[in-house]
Protein backbone atom coordinates (compact mmCIF):
# COMPACT_ATOMS: atom_id res chain seq x y z
CA ASP A 1 -15.79 0.92 23.90
CA GLU A 2 -18.03 0.01 21.01
CA ALA A 3 -18.30 3.55 19.63
CA TRP A 4 -14.52 3.94 19.38
CA PHE A 5 -14.17 0.51 17.76
CA THR A 6 -16.83 1.29 15.16
CA LYS A 7 -15.34 4.70 14.37
CA THR A 8 -11.81 3.26 14.03
CA ARG A 9 -12.94 0.28 11.95
CA ASP A 10 -14.92 2.51 9.61
CA ALA A 11 -11.92 4.81 9.17
CA VAL A 12 -9.65 1.86 8.27
CA VAL A 13 -12.20 0.51 5.77
CA ASP A 14 -12.68 3.93 4.17
CA THR A 15 -8.95 4.59 3.94
CA ARG A 16 -8.29 1.09 2.57
CA GLU A 17 -10.92 1.46 -0.13
CA GLY A 18 -9.50 4.81 -1.22
CA LEU A 19 -5.94 3.48 -1.22
CA VAL A 20 -6.93 0.46 -3.31
CA LEU A 21 -8.54 2.69 -5.96
CA THR A 22 -5.49 4.96 -6.05
CA LEU A 23 -3.07 2.04 -6.30
CA GLU A 24 -5.11 0.59 -9.15
CA ASP A 25 -5.00 3.98 -10.90
CA LEU A 26 -1.20 3.77 -10.63
CA GLY A 27 -1.23 0.39 -12.40
CA PHE A 28 -1.03 -1.88 -9.36
CA GLU A 29 -2.93 -5.12 -9.04
CA VAL A 30 -4.38 -5.27 -5.54
CA LEU A 31 -5.68 -8.46 -3.98
CA PRO A 32 -9.07 -8.26 -2.24
CA SER A 33 -8.66 -7.44 1.46
CA GLN A 34 -10.81 -7.10 4.53
CA ALA A 35 -7.81 -6.55 6.77
CA ASN A 36 -5.80 -3.53 7.84
CA PHE A 37 -3.38 -4.11 4.97
CA VAL A 38 -3.37 -4.89 1.25
CA PHE A 39 -1.14 -6.96 -0.99
CA ALA A 40 -0.30 -5.09 -4.17
CA ARG A 41 1.98 -5.71 -7.14
CA HIS A 42 2.94 -3.60 -10.09
CA PRO A 43 3.26 -5.71 -13.26
CA GLY A 44 6.08 -3.54 -14.59
CA ARG A 45 8.15 -3.18 -11.42
CA ASP A 46 10.03 -5.54 -9.15
CA ALA A 47 8.54 -5.53 -5.66
CA ALA A 48 11.91 -5.72 -3.89
CA GLU A 49 13.12 -2.67 -5.83
CA LEU A 50 9.93 -0.76 -5.08
CA ALA A 51 10.27 -1.55 -1.38
CA ALA A 52 13.90 -0.36 -1.41
CA GLN A 53 13.03 2.86 -3.25
CA LEU A 54 10.18 3.53 -0.83
CA ARG A 55 12.53 2.95 2.12
CA GLU A 56 14.93 5.55 0.65
CA ARG A 57 11.98 7.96 0.83
CA LYS A 58 11.27 6.93 4.43
CA VAL A 59 8.11 5.03 3.51
CA LEU A 60 8.09 1.50 4.92
CA VAL A 61 6.19 -1.41 3.41
CA ARG A 62 6.77 -5.12 3.85
CA HIS A 63 8.31 -7.29 1.16
CA PHE A 64 8.55 -11.05 1.56
CA ARG A 65 10.82 -13.22 -0.57
CA GLN A 66 8.59 -16.29 -0.52
CA PRO A 67 7.93 -17.47 -4.10
CA ARG A 68 4.14 -17.00 -4.15
CA ILE A 69 4.27 -13.44 -2.86
CA ALA A 70 7.72 -12.25 -3.91
CA GLN A 71 6.28 -9.68 -6.31
CA TYR A 72 3.81 -8.24 -3.81
CA LEU A 73 4.15 -5.48 -1.26
CA ARG A 74 2.25 -5.73 2.00
CA ILE A 75 1.00 -2.23 2.63
CA SER A 76 -0.48 -1.45 6.03
CA ILE A 77 -3.45 0.89 6.13
CA GLY A 78 -2.26 3.87 8.10
CA THR A 79 -3.65 7.33 8.48
CA ARG A 80 -4.78 9.35 5.47
CA ASP A 81 -1.57 11.38 5.70
CA GLN A 82 0.54 8.22 5.70
CA CYS A 83 -1.33 6.85 2.68
CA THR A 84 -0.89 10.18 0.91
CA ALA A 85 2.87 10.02 1.58
CA LEU A 86 2.97 6.46 0.20
CA VAL A 87 1.09 7.42 -2.95
CA GLY A 88 3.28 10.48 -3.48
CA ALA A 89 6.43 8.38 -3.17
CA LEU A 90 5.04 5.75 -5.54
CA ARG A 91 4.12 8.40 -8.11
CA ASP A 92 7.65 9.77 -7.89
CA ILE A 93 9.18 6.32 -8.29
CA LEU A 94 6.93 5.28 -11.15
CA SER A 95 7.59 8.53 -13.03
CA GLY A 96 11.32 7.90 -12.83
CA GLY A 97 12.00 10.43 -10.08
């Protein structure tokens, strides 16, 4: 179903681009991505701690302990509502909430 594929792909790309801009506004460094996820790090926050604080808020991201990516979060591109929940939780965490 080519029409469904195109619609879904375009939605992921659009959501990813918006999420990247928002993460950058929050101070994150985001690696270029053409996938359904991004790798992002915050220079002032430990990635493992961020992942744990997000989990406490029922927002799941991946954190890997491998040396080259230990300070990055792997954030899947979900729905707009899911990305909004992620951003809200990150804003709360970064503001000390």
